[in-house]
Amino acid sequence: MSHLPSHLWYLITNFGGAGLTLPLAFAIALWLAVGYSWRLAAGWLFLLGVAVALVTATKIAFLGWGIGVRVWDFTGLSGHAMFATAVFPVAAFLVLLSAPPAVRIAGVVLALLGGAAVGLSRVIIEAHSPSEAITGCIVGALAALVFVRIAWNATPPGRLPVAPVVLSLMILMLGLHKLHLPTQRWVTHIALKVSGHDRPYVRARWKVLHDNKTPASPASPVAPLQKTRNVAVPLPDSDA
């Protein structure tokens, strides 16, 4: 699969962008509220919000303080992978509410695999390390599966018209597929404000500091931070 043309991987990775998945998530919540209850819609948004908070927290920790796991090359959960594996399985579940249980399960599983493909694309285009993509997929999948488990018996079929639901979600997917939100810039701005630093940590310099660390460096923990602030450059807005 890694031998596919690069433009196809970028096409796949765009399906995990916040510009598409966030409106899709809110559309799902709206349909849940219309057909079932605001409590169910709020539950979905809460679970997604927890996943978003985890992604944001790991990114702020790295950008602001250089907190990560070097042995795994981990600098923060992949936002694209998380959004894709969280939103698309729930969208499939919503669309297939009137289908037999086996078909619903198959739809959710296929959507999870699609989300995993987005995670793989983040590695192929070198936007994330494997550990970041995998953990992003895990967090997103957990959010989706917890919601599906909660909603399975709370969403009897027949309360939502299938055609308008499918049409609305398809319009969002086609219309917003290339919409880019500068989420990485926003998170970087927050990280610098919270940490009080002038420059964010970047992966390359973070790894170099670790590889070149002298035996005396543990006795002077401030030195790597000062050096990083002097040489680090802002991250691009390629998202997370």
C-alpha atoms as a PDB file:
ATOM      1  CA  MET A   1       0.000   0.000   0.000  1.00  0.00           C
ATOM      2  CA  SER A   2       2.886   2.382   0.668  1.00  0.00           C
ATOM      3  CA  HIS A   3       3.646   2.289  -3.078  1.00  0.00           C
ATOM      4  CA  LEU A   4       0.406   4.098  -3.926  1.00  0.00           C
ATOM      5  CA  PRO A   5       0.880   7.547  -5.512  1.00  0.00           C
ATOM      6  CA  SER A   6       1.403  10.293  -2.944  1.00  0.00           C
ATOM      7  CA  HIS A   7      -1.651  12.239  -4.098  1.00  0.00           C
ATOM      8  CA  LEU A   8      -3.860   9.285  -3.136  1.00  0.00           C
ATOM      9  CA  TRP A   9      -2.428   9.263   0.382  1.00  0.00           C
ATOM     10  CA  TYR A  10      -3.115  12.986   0.686  1.00  0.00           C
ATOM     11  CA  LEU A  11      -6.646  12.342  -0.562  1.00  0.00           C
ATOM     12  CA  ILE A  12      -7.090   9.724   2.166  1.00  0.00           C
ATOM     13  CA  THR A  13      -5.524  11.873   4.881  1.00  0.00           C
ATOM     14  CA  ASN A  14      -7.916  14.738   4.134  1.00  0.00           C
ATOM     15  CA  PHE A  15     -10.791  12.612   5.428  1.00  0.00           C
ATOM     16  CA  GLY A  16      -9.366  12.973   8.922  1.00  0.00           C
ATOM     17  CA  GLY A  17      -9.106  16.746   8.876  1.00  0.00           C
ATOM     18  CA  ALA A  18     -10.984  18.717  11.518  1.00  0.00           C
ATOM     19  CA  GLY A  19     -12.533  20.875   8.793  1.00  0.00           C
ATOM     20  CA  LEU A  20     -14.525  17.831   7.667  1.00  0.00           C
ATOM     21  CA  THR A  21     -14.886  15.644  10.739  1.00  0.00           C
ATOM     22  CA  LEU A  22     -16.036  18.311  13.202  1.00  0.00           C
ATOM     23  CA  PRO A  23     -19.001  19.469  11.062  1.00  0.00           C
ATOM     24  CA  LEU A  24     -19.799  15.805  10.431  1.00  0.00           C
ATOM     25  CA  ALA A  25     -19.753  15.117  14.179  1.00  0.00           C
ATOM     26  CA  PHE A  26     -22.130  18.022  14.850  1.00  0.00           C
ATOM     27  CA  ALA A  27     -24.432  16.849  12.038  1.00  0.00           C
ATOM     28  CA  ILE A  28     -24.547  13.405  13.678  1.00  0.00           C
ATOM     29  CA  ALA A  29     -25.410  15.026  17.001  1.00  0.00           C
ATOM     30  CA  LEU A  30     -28.173  17.064  15.374  1.00  0.00           C
ATOM     31  CA  TRP A  31     -29.746  13.979  13.794  1.00  0.00           C
ATOM     32  CA  LEU A  32     -29.529  12.128  17.107  1.00  0.00           C
ATOM     33  CA  ALA A  33     -31.276  15.017  18.837  1.00  0.00           C
ATOM     34  CA  VAL A  34     -33.994  15.203  16.178  1.00  0.00           C
ATOM     35  CA  GLY A  35     -34.667  11.474  16.054  1.00  0.00           C
ATOM     36  CA  TYR A  36     -33.976  10.455  19.632  1.00  0.00           C
ATOM     37  CA  SER A  37     -32.873  12.795  22.418  1.00  0.00           C
ATOM     38  CA  TRP A  38     -30.582  15.676  23.235  1.00  0.00           C
ATOM     39  CA  ARG A  39     -29.082  13.512  25.962  1.00  0.00           C
ATOM     40  CA  LEU A  40     -27.884  10.977  23.391  1.00  0.00           C
ATOM     41  CA  ALA A  41     -26.515  13.767  21.185  1.00  0.00           C
ATOM     42  CA  ALA A  42     -24.746  15.326  24.160  1.00  0.00           C
ATOM     43  CA  GLY A  43     -23.282  11.940  25.092  1.00  0.00           C
ATOM     44  CA  TRP A  44     -21.780  11.600  21.624  1.00  0.00           C
ATOM     45  CA  LEU A  45     -20.280  15.089  21.723  1.00  0.00           C
ATOM     46  CA  PHE A  46     -18.955  14.488  25.236  1.00  0.00           C
ATOM     47  CA  LEU A  47     -17.109  11.320  24.201  1.00  0.00           C
ATOM     48  CA  LEU A  48     -15.672  13.063  21.167  1.00  0.00           C
ATOM     49  CA  GLY A  49     -14.716  16.016  23.352  1.00  0.00           C
ATOM     50  CA  VAL A  50     -12.782  13.738  25.696  1.00  0.00           C
ATOM     51  CA  ALA A  51     -10.864  12.334  22.724  1.00  0.00           C
ATOM     52  CA  VAL A  52     -10.142  15.839  21.418  1.00  0.00           C
ATOM     53  CA  ALA A  53      -8.943  16.882  24.869  1.00  0.00           C
ATOM     54  CA  LEU A  54      -6.512  13.957  24.991  1.00  0.00           C
ATOM     55  CA  VAL A  55      -5.094  14.839  21.579  1.00  0.00           C
ATOM     56  CA  THR A  56      -4.764  18.494  22.521  1.00  0.00           C
ATOM     57  CA  ALA A  57      -3.182  17.760  25.900  1.00  0.00           C
ATOM     58  CA  THR A  58      -0.478  15.525  24.421  1.00  0.00           C
ATOM     59  CA  LYS A  59       0.342  18.102  21.769  1.00  0.00           C
ATOM     60  CA  ILE A  60       0.506  20.981  24.231  1.00  0.00           C
ATOM     61  CA  ALA A  61       2.737  18.903  26.504  1.00  0.00           C
ATOM     62  CA  PHE A  62       5.211  18.372  23.678  1.00  0.00           C
ATOM     63  CA  LEU A  63       5.062  21.766  21.990  1.00  0.00           C
ATOM     64  CA  GLY A  64       5.284  23.641  25.281  1.00  0.00           C
ATOM     65  CA  TRP A  65       7.620  21.486  27.353  1.00  0.00           C
ATOM     66  CA  GLY A  66       9.067  18.790  25.080  1.00  0.00           C
ATOM     67  CA  ILE A  67       7.192  16.025  26.887  1.00  0.00           C
ATOM     68  CA  GLY A  68       7.024  12.890  24.779  1.00  0.00           C
ATOM     69  CA  VAL A  69       8.254   9.316  24.533  1.00  0.00           C
ATOM     70  CA  ARG A  70      11.517   9.281  22.574  1.00  0.00           C
ATOM     71  CA  VAL A  71      11.820   5.511  22.350  1.00  0.00           C
ATOM     72  CA  TRP A  72       8.490   5.472  20.510  1.00  0.00           C
ATOM     73  CA  ASP A  73       9.131   8.737  18.635  1.00  0.00           C
ATOM     74  CA  PHE A  74       5.891   9.947  20.229  1.00  0.00           C
ATOM     75  CA  THR A  75       5.160  13.679  20.360  1.00  0.00           C
ATOM     76  CA  GLY A  76       1.366  13.602  20.561  1.00  0.00           C
ATOM     77  CA  LEU A  77      -1.717  11.720  19.414  1.00  0.00           C
ATOM     78  CA  SER A  78      -2.593  12.043  15.735  1.00  0.00           C
ATOM     79  CA  GLY A  79      -5.658  14.251  15.450  1.00  0.00           C
ATOM     80  CA  HIS A  80      -6.473  13.012  11.944  1.00  0.00           C
ATOM     81  CA  ALA A  81      -6.360   9.380  13.050  1.00  0.00           C
ATOM     82  CA  MET A  82      -8.452  10.083  16.137  1.00  0.00           C
ATOM     83  CA  PHE A  83     -11.140  12.056  14.282  1.00  0.00           C
ATOM     84  CA  ALA A  84     -11.422   9.518  11.461  1.00  0.00           C
ATOM     85  CA  THR A  85     -11.772   6.492  13.737  1.00  0.00           C
ATOM     86  CA  ALA A  86     -14.191   8.312  16.050  1.00  0.00           C
ATOM     87  CA  VAL A  87     -16.534  10.069  13.622  1.00  0.00           C
ATOM     88  CA  PHE A  88     -16.890   7.728  10.645  1.00  0.00           C
ATOM     89  CA  PRO A  89     -17.915   4.609  12.623  1.00  0.00           C
ATOM     90  CA  VAL A  90     -20.629   6.617  14.387  1.00  0.00           C
ATOM     91  CA  ALA A  91     -21.747   8.040  11.040  1.00  0.00           C
ATOM     92  CA  ALA A  92     -21.984   4.489   9.676  1.00  0.00           C
ATOM     93  CA  PHE A  93     -23.943   3.423  12.743  1.00  0.00           C
ATOM     94  CA  LEU A  94     -26.379   6.313  12.263  1.00  0.00           C
ATOM     95  CA  VAL A  95     -26.893   5.589   8.567  1.00  0.00           C
ATOM     96  CA  LEU A  96     -27.465   1.876   9.235  1.00  0.00           C
ATOM     97  CA  LEU A  97     -29.927   2.202  12.124  1.00  0.00           C
ATOM     98  CA  SER A  98     -32.655   0.544  10.087  1.00  0.00           C
ATOM     99  CA  ALA A  99     -30.411  -2.278   8.912  1.00  0.00           C
ATOM    100  CA  PRO A 100     -30.108  -5.698  10.585  1.00  0.00           C
ATOM    101  CA  PRO A 101     -27.644  -5.825  13.506  1.00  0.00           C
ATOM    102  CA  ALA A 102     -25.075  -7.801  11.512  1.00  0.00           C
ATOM    103  CA  VAL A 103     -25.079  -5.155   8.788  1.00  0.00           C
ATOM    104  CA  ARG A 104     -24.706  -2.382  11.388  1.00  0.00           C
ATOM    105  CA  ILE A 105     -21.729  -4.156  12.926  1.00  0.00           C
ATOM    106  CA  ALA A 106     -20.137  -4.684   9.518  1.00  0.00           C
ATOM    107  CA  GLY A 107     -20.619  -1.008   8.679  1.00  0.00           C
ATOM    108  CA  VAL A 108     -18.977   0.124  11.910  1.00  0.00           C
ATOM    109  CA  VAL A 109     -16.054  -2.257  11.384  1.00  0.00           C
ATOM    110  CA  LEU A 110     -15.521  -1.067   7.801  1.00  0.00           C
ATOM    111  CA  ALA A 111     -15.601   2.547   8.983  1.00  0.00           C
ATOM    112  CA  LEU A 112     -13.007   1.720  11.643  1.00  0.00           C
ATOM    113  CA  LEU A 113     -10.802   0.238   8.937  1.00  0.00           C
ATOM    114  CA  GLY A 114     -11.272   3.419   6.931  1.00  0.00           C
ATOM    115  CA  GLY A 115     -10.161   5.422   9.945  1.00  0.00           C
ATOM    116  CA  ALA A 116      -7.121   3.165  10.267  1.00  0.00           C
ATOM    117  CA  ALA A 117      -6.320   3.935   6.622  1.00  0.00           C
ATOM    118  CA  VAL A 118      -6.304   7.632   7.502  1.00  0.00           C
ATOM    119  CA  GLY A 119      -3.917   6.841  10.353  1.00  0.00           C
ATOM    120  CA  LEU A 120      -1.663   4.924   7.952  1.00  0.00           C
ATOM    121  CA  SER A 121      -1.712   7.849   5.544  1.00  0.00           C
ATOM    122  CA  ARG A 122      -0.358  10.114   8.285  1.00  0.00           C
ATOM    123  CA  VAL A 123       2.653   7.823   8.589  1.00  0.00           C
ATOM    124  CA  ILE A 124       3.139   7.455   4.830  1.00  0.00           C
ATOM    125  CA  ILE A 125       3.199  11.217   4.254  1.00  0.00           C
ATOM    126  CA  GLU A 126       5.495  11.587   7.296  1.00  0.00           C
ATOM    127  CA  ALA A 127       3.112  13.768   9.270  1.00  0.00           C
ATOM    128  CA  HIS A 128       3.249  11.366  12.232  1.00  0.00           C
ATOM    129  CA  SER A 129       5.234   8.459  13.582  1.00  0.00           C
ATOM    130  CA  PRO A 130       3.600   5.012  13.747  1.00  0.00           C
ATOM    131  CA  SER A 131       3.106   5.310  17.517  1.00  0.00           C
ATOM    132  CA  GLU A 132       1.257   8.614  17.134  1.00  0.00           C
ATOM    133  CA  ALA A 133      -1.024   7.269  14.409  1.00  0.00           C
ATOM    134  CA  ILE A 134      -1.744   4.020  16.272  1.00  0.00           C
ATOM    135  CA  THR A 135      -2.547   5.718  19.568  1.00  0.00           C
ATOM    136  CA  GLY A 136      -4.712   8.261  17.752  1.00  0.00           C
ATOM    137  CA  CYS A 137      -6.654   5.414  16.131  1.00  0.00           C
ATOM    138  CA  ILE A 138      -7.066   3.673  19.489  1.00  0.00           C
ATOM    139  CA  VAL A 139      -8.448   6.770  21.215  1.00  0.00           C
ATOM    140  CA  GLY A 140     -10.846   7.514  18.348  1.00  0.00           C
ATOM    141  CA  ALA A 141     -12.010   3.909  18.092  1.00  0.00           C
ATOM    142  CA  LEU A 142     -12.666   3.743  21.831  1.00  0.00           C
ATOM    143  CA  ALA A 143     -14.799   6.895  21.669  1.00  0.00           C
ATOM    144  CA  ALA A 144     -16.794   5.494  18.749  1.00  0.00           C
ATOM    145  CA  LEU A 145     -17.273   2.016  20.200  1.00  0.00           C
ATOM    146  CA  VAL A 146     -18.288   3.315  23.631  1.00  0.00           C
ATOM    147  CA  PHE A 147     -20.938   5.480  21.994  1.00  0.00           C
ATOM    148  CA  VAL A 148     -22.172   2.663  19.745  1.00  0.00           C
ATOM    149  CA  ARG A 149     -22.470   0.407  22.775  1.00  0.00           C
ATOM    150  CA  ILE A 150     -24.453   3.058  24.670  1.00  0.00           C
ATOM    151  CA  ALA A 151     -26.688   3.900  21.697  1.00  0.00           C
ATOM    152  CA  TRP A 152     -27.265   0.374  20.436  1.00  0.00           C
ATOM    153  CA  ASN A 153     -30.458  -0.209  22.426  1.00  0.00           C
ATOM    154  CA  ALA A 154     -31.362   3.475  22.743  1.00  0.00           C
ATOM    155  CA  THR A 155     -31.854   4.024  19.012  1.00  0.00           C
ATOM    156  CA  PRO A 156     -34.777   1.902  17.768  1.00  0.00           C
ATOM    157  CA  PRO A 157     -35.030   1.957  13.952  1.00  0.00           C
ATOM    158  CA  GLY A 158     -37.598   3.976  12.067  1.00  0.00           C
ATOM    159  CA  ARG A 159     -37.273   7.314  13.846  1.00  0.00           C
ATOM    160  CA  LEU A 160     -34.959   8.876  11.277  1.00  0.00           C
ATOM    161  CA  PRO A 161     -35.519   9.044   7.505  1.00  0.00           C
ATOM    162  CA  VAL A 162     -32.553   7.280   5.945  1.00  0.00           C
ATOM    163  CA  ALA A 163     -32.333   9.289   2.713  1.00  0.00           C
ATOM    164  CA  PRO A 164     -32.010  12.774   4.301  1.00  0.00           C
ATOM    165  CA  VAL A 165     -29.459  11.465   6.812  1.00  0.00           C
ATOM    166  CA  VAL A 166     -27.299   9.902   4.115  1.00  0.00           C
ATOM    167  CA  LEU A 167     -27.675  12.903   1.798  1.00  0.00           C
ATOM    168  CA  SER A 168     -26.720  15.424   4.470  1.00  0.00           C
ATOM    169  CA  LEU A 169     -23.632  13.474   5.543  1.00  0.00           C
ATOM    170  CA  MET A 170     -22.540  12.924   1.942  1.00  0.00           C
ATOM    171  CA  ILE A 171     -22.899  16.625   1.144  1.00  0.00           C
ATOM    172  CA  LEU A 172     -20.697  17.474   4.113  1.00  0.00           C
ATOM    173  CA  MET A 173     -18.088  14.903   3.139  1.00  0.00           C
ATOM    174  CA  LEU A 174     -17.895  16.025  -0.478  1.00  0.00           C
ATOM    175  CA  GLY A 175     -18.142  19.732   0.257  1.00  0.00           C
ATOM    176  CA  LEU A 176     -15.682  19.908   3.151  1.00  0.00           C
ATOM    177  CA  HIS A 177     -13.185  17.241   2.131  1.00  0.00           C
ATOM    178  CA  LYS A 178     -10.520  19.829   1.262  1.00  0.00           C
ATOM    179  CA  LEU A 179     -11.362  22.357   3.978  1.00  0.00           C
ATOM    180  CA  HIS A 180      -8.298  23.010   6.114  1.00  0.00           C
ATOM    181  CA  LEU A 181      -8.409  24.393   9.631  1.00  0.00           C
ATOM    182  CA  PRO A 182      -5.090  25.649  11.102  1.00  0.00           C
ATOM    183  CA  THR A 183      -5.465  23.486  14.194  1.00  0.00           C
ATOM    184  CA  GLN A 184      -1.709  22.990  14.586  1.00  0.00           C
ATOM    185  CA  ARG A 185      -1.216  26.757  14.693  1.00  0.00           C
ATOM    186  CA  TRP A 186      -3.943  27.124  17.298  1.00  0.00           C
ATOM    187  CA  VAL A 187      -2.518  24.375  19.504  1.00  0.00           C
ATOM    188  CA  THR A 188       0.995  25.793  19.157  1.00  0.00           C
ATOM    189  CA  HIS A 189      -0.268  29.231  20.195  1.00  0.00           C
ATOM    190  CA  ILE A 190      -1.957  27.762  23.264  1.00  0.00           C
ATOM    191  CA  ALA A 191       1.143  25.739  24.156  1.00  0.00           C
ATOM    192  CA  LEU A 192       3.381  28.808  24.038  1.00  0.00           C
ATOM    193  CA  LYS A 193       0.929  30.872  26.066  1.00  0.00           C
ATOM    194  CA  VAL A 194       0.608  28.211  28.747  1.00  0.00           C
ATOM    195  CA  SER A 195       4.295  27.304  28.932  1.00  0.00           C
ATOM    196  CA  GLY A 196       5.563  30.874  28.665  1.00  0.00           C
ATOM    197  CA  HIS A 197       8.173  29.869  26.088  1.00  0.00           C
ATOM    198  CA  ASP A 198       9.054  31.808  22.962  1.00  0.00           C
ATOM    199  CA  ARG A 199       9.391  28.856  20.599  1.00  0.00           C
ATOM    200  CA  PRO A 200       7.733  25.448  20.416  1.00  0.00           C
ATOM    201  CA  TYR A 201       9.642  22.198  20.655  1.00  0.00           C
ATOM    202  CA  VAL A 202      10.064  20.469  17.297  1.00  0.00           C
ATOM    203  CA  ARG A 203      10.609  16.770  16.688  1.00  0.00           C
ATOM    204  CA  ALA A 204      14.001  16.975  14.935  1.00  0.00           C
ATOM    205  CA  ARG A 205      15.663  19.146  17.581  1.00  0.00           C
ATOM    206  CA  TRP A 206      14.048  17.146  20.396  1.00  0.00           C
ATOM    207  CA  LYS A 207      15.581  13.939  19.037  1.00  0.00           C
ATOM    208  CA  VAL A 208      18.988  15.541  18.431  1.00  0.00           C
ATOM    209  CA  LEU A 209      19.145  16.823  22.004  1.00  0.00           C
ATOM    210  CA  HIS A 210      18.441  13.326  23.237  1.00  0.00           C
ATOM    211  CA  ASP A 211      20.963  11.629  20.945  1.00  0.00           C
ATOM    212  CA  ASN A 212      23.718  14.129  21.797  1.00  0.00           C
ATOM    213  CA  LYS A 213      22.986  14.360  25.507  1.00  0.00           C
ATOM    214  CA  THR A 214      26.165  14.346  27.587  1.00  0.00           C
ATOM    215  CA  PRO A 215      26.519  12.480  30.898  1.00  0.00           C
ATOM    216  CA  ALA A 216      26.441  15.778  32.790  1.00  0.00           C
ATOM    217  CA  SER A 217      23.156  16.946  31.287  1.00  0.00           C
ATOM    218  CA  PRO A 218      20.841  15.333  33.889  1.00  0.00           C
ATOM    219  CA  ALA A 219      22.470  17.571  36.491  1.00  0.00           C
ATOM    220  CA  SER A 220      21.458  20.673  34.546  1.00  0.00           C
ATOM    221  CA  PRO A 221      17.908  20.071  33.254  1.00  0.00           C
ATOM    222  CA  VAL A 222      17.393  23.704  32.200  1.00  0.00           C
ATOM    223  CA  ALA A 223      20.097  23.612  29.524  1.00  0.00           C
ATOM    224  CA  PRO A 224      18.164  21.605  26.909  1.00  0.00           C
ATOM    225  CA  LEU A 225      15.135  23.882  27.309  1.00  0.00           C
ATOM    226  CA  GLN A 226      17.183  27.056  26.814  1.00  0.00           C
ATOM    227  CA  LYS A 227      18.925  25.633  23.804  1.00  0.00           C
ATOM    228  CA  THR A 228      15.664  24.520  22.249  1.00  0.00           C
ATOM    229  CA  ARG A 229      14.120  27.962  22.673  1.00  0.00           C
ATOM    230  CA  ASN A 230      16.981  29.530  20.785  1.00  0.00           C
ATOM    231  CA  VAL A 231      16.893  27.244  17.776  1.00  0.00           C
ATOM    232  CA  ALA A 232      13.419  25.807  17.422  1.00  0.00           C
ATOM    233  CA  VAL A 233      11.193  27.038  14.638  1.00  0.00           C
ATOM    234  CA  PRO A 234       7.379  27.161  14.549  1.00  0.00           C
ATOM    235  CA  LEU A 235       5.646  24.079  13.262  1.00  0.00           C
ATOM    236  CA  PRO A 236       3.790  24.194   9.921  1.00  0.00           C
ATOM    237  CA  ASP A 237      -0.001  24.232   9.781  1.00  0.00           C
ATOM    238  CA  SER A 238      -0.201  20.690   8.398  1.00  0.00           C
ATOM    239  CA  ASP A 239      -2.347  19.678  11.382  1.00  0.00           C
ATOM    240  CA  ALA A 240      -1.936  16.982  13.747  1.00  0.00           C
END
